[in-house]
C-alpha atoms as a PDB file:
ATOM      1  CA  MET A   1      92.274  88.238  98.744  1.00  0.00           C
ATOM      2  CA  ASN A   2      91.734  91.196 101.026  1.00  0.00           C
ATOM      3  CA  LEU A   3      94.038  91.836 103.944  1.00  0.00           C
ATOM      4  CA  THR A   4      93.076  92.056 107.574  1.00  0.00           C
ATOM      5  CA  LYS A   5      94.007  95.154 109.516  1.00  0.00           C
ATOM      6  CA  GLN A   6      96.482  93.071 111.511  1.00  0.00           C
ATOM      7  CA  GLN A   7      98.192  91.861 108.316  1.00  0.00           C
ATOM      8  CA  ALA A   8      98.397  95.425 106.994  1.00  0.00           C
ATOM      9  CA  VAL A   9     100.001  96.658 110.218  1.00  0.00           C
ATOM     10  CA  ALA A  10     102.371  93.682 110.290  1.00  0.00           C
ATOM     11  CA  ILE A  11     103.680  94.538 106.812  1.00  0.00           C
ATOM     12  CA  PHE A  12     104.828  97.940 108.082  1.00  0.00           C
ATOM     13  CA  GLY A  13     105.669  96.934 111.644  1.00  0.00           C
ATOM     14  CA  THR A  14     103.465  99.492 113.387  1.00  0.00           C
ATOM     15  CA  ALA A  15     100.161 101.257 112.793  1.00  0.00           C
ATOM     16  CA  LYS A  16     102.087 104.568 112.772  1.00  0.00           C
ATOM     17  CA  ALA A  17     104.401 103.349 109.990  1.00  0.00           C
ATOM     18  CA  LEU A  18     101.393 102.118 107.985  1.00  0.00           C
ATOM     19  CA  ALA A  19      99.616 105.426 108.490  1.00  0.00           C
ATOM     20  CA  ASP A  20     102.692 107.389 107.426  1.00  0.00           C
ATOM     21  CA  ALA A  21     103.068 105.274 104.272  1.00  0.00           C
ATOM     22  CA  LEU A  22      99.460 105.982 103.329  1.00  0.00           C
ATOM     23  CA  GLY A  23      99.407 109.640 104.331  1.00  0.00           C
ATOM     24  CA  LEU A  24      96.920 108.962 107.119  1.00  0.00           C
ATOM     25  CA  THR A  25      96.900 109.295 110.890  1.00  0.00           C
ATOM     26  CA  LYS A  26      97.324 106.407 113.305  1.00  0.00           C
ATOM     27  CA  GLY A  27      93.803 107.207 114.517  1.00  0.00           C
ATOM     28  CA  ALA A  28      92.414 106.667 111.027  1.00  0.00           C
ATOM     29  CA  ILE A  29      94.046 103.233 110.884  1.00  0.00           C
ATOM     30  CA  SER A  30      92.596 102.342 114.286  1.00  0.00           C
ATOM     31  CA  GLN A  31      89.104 102.987 112.900  1.00  0.00           C
ATOM     32  CA  TRP A  32      89.541 100.550 110.015  1.00  0.00           C
ATOM     33  CA  PRO A  33      87.462  97.358 110.201  1.00  0.00           C
ATOM     34  CA  ASN A  34      89.261  94.078 110.897  1.00  0.00           C
ATOM     35  CA  GLU A  35      88.637  92.925 107.300  1.00  0.00           C
ATOM     36  CA  LEU A  36      89.832  95.520 104.806  1.00  0.00           C
ATOM     37  CA  ASP A  37      87.908  96.268 101.649  1.00  0.00           C
ATOM     38  CA  THR A  38      89.474  95.984  98.207  1.00  0.00           C
ATOM     39  CA  GLN A  39      90.379  99.673  98.005  1.00  0.00           C
ATOM     40  CA  ARG A  40      92.246  99.703 101.328  1.00  0.00           C
ATOM     41  CA  THR A  41      93.934  96.393 100.539  1.00  0.00           C
ATOM     42  CA  ALA A  42      95.138  97.785  97.208  1.00  0.00           C
ATOM     43  CA  ALA A  43      96.434 100.943  98.898  1.00  0.00           C
ATOM     44  CA  VAL A  44      98.361  98.913 101.489  1.00  0.00           C
ATOM     45  CA  ILE A  45      99.831  96.599  98.857  1.00  0.00           C
ATOM     46  CA  GLY A  46     100.803  99.545  96.662  1.00  0.00           C
ATOM     47  CA  ALA A  47     102.485 101.354  99.540  1.00  0.00           C
ATOM     48  CA  ALA A  48     104.256  98.149 100.563  1.00  0.00           C
ATOM     49  CA  VAL A  49     105.596  97.545  97.058  1.00  0.00           C
ATOM     50  CA  GLN A  50     106.771 101.165  96.771  1.00  0.00           C
ATOM     51  CA  SER A  51     108.472 100.879 100.168  1.00  0.00           C
ATOM     52  CA  GLY A  52     110.108  97.528  99.400  1.00  0.00           C
ATOM     53  CA  LYS A  53     108.197  95.769 102.179  1.00  0.00           C
ATOM     54  CA  GLN A  54     107.711  91.998 102.242  1.00  0.00           C
ATOM     55  CA  LEU A  55     104.130  90.929 101.563  1.00  0.00           C
ATOM     56  CA  PRO A  56     102.576  87.919 103.294  1.00  0.00           C
ATOM     57  CA  PRO A  57     102.465  84.757 101.151  1.00  0.00           C
ATOM     58  CA  GLY A  58      99.360  84.509  99.000  1.00  0.00           C
ATOM     59  CA  VAL A  59      98.551  88.233  98.979  1.00  0.00           C
ATOM     60  CA  ILE A  60      99.464  88.511  95.315  1.00  0.00           C
ATOM     61  CA  PRO A  61      98.471  85.292  93.566  1.00  0.00           C
ATOM     62  CA  GLU A  62     101.111  83.796  91.343  1.00  0.00           C
ATOM     63  CA  GLN A  63     100.351  84.303  87.687  1.00  0.00           C
ATOM     64  CA  ALA A  64      99.376  81.202  85.785  1.00  0.00           C
ATOM     65  CA  ALA A  65     101.989  79.884  83.416  1.00  0.00           C
ATOM     66  CA  ALA A  66     101.352  80.896  79.835  1.00  0.00           C
END
């Protein structure tokens, strides 16, 4: 499941905080499409995990029981 730009910003609270976490500018984030591709989604999720941010439900599917 890929994130939307709005979901990505919501994880960090602001576009500036998201940009800072990814080493980008706020302007770069503003140019993202509404539906993020797999690479951007992975970068946001990785930065969120490293920062201890809460991810929206369903972003990381639960692993099937062995």
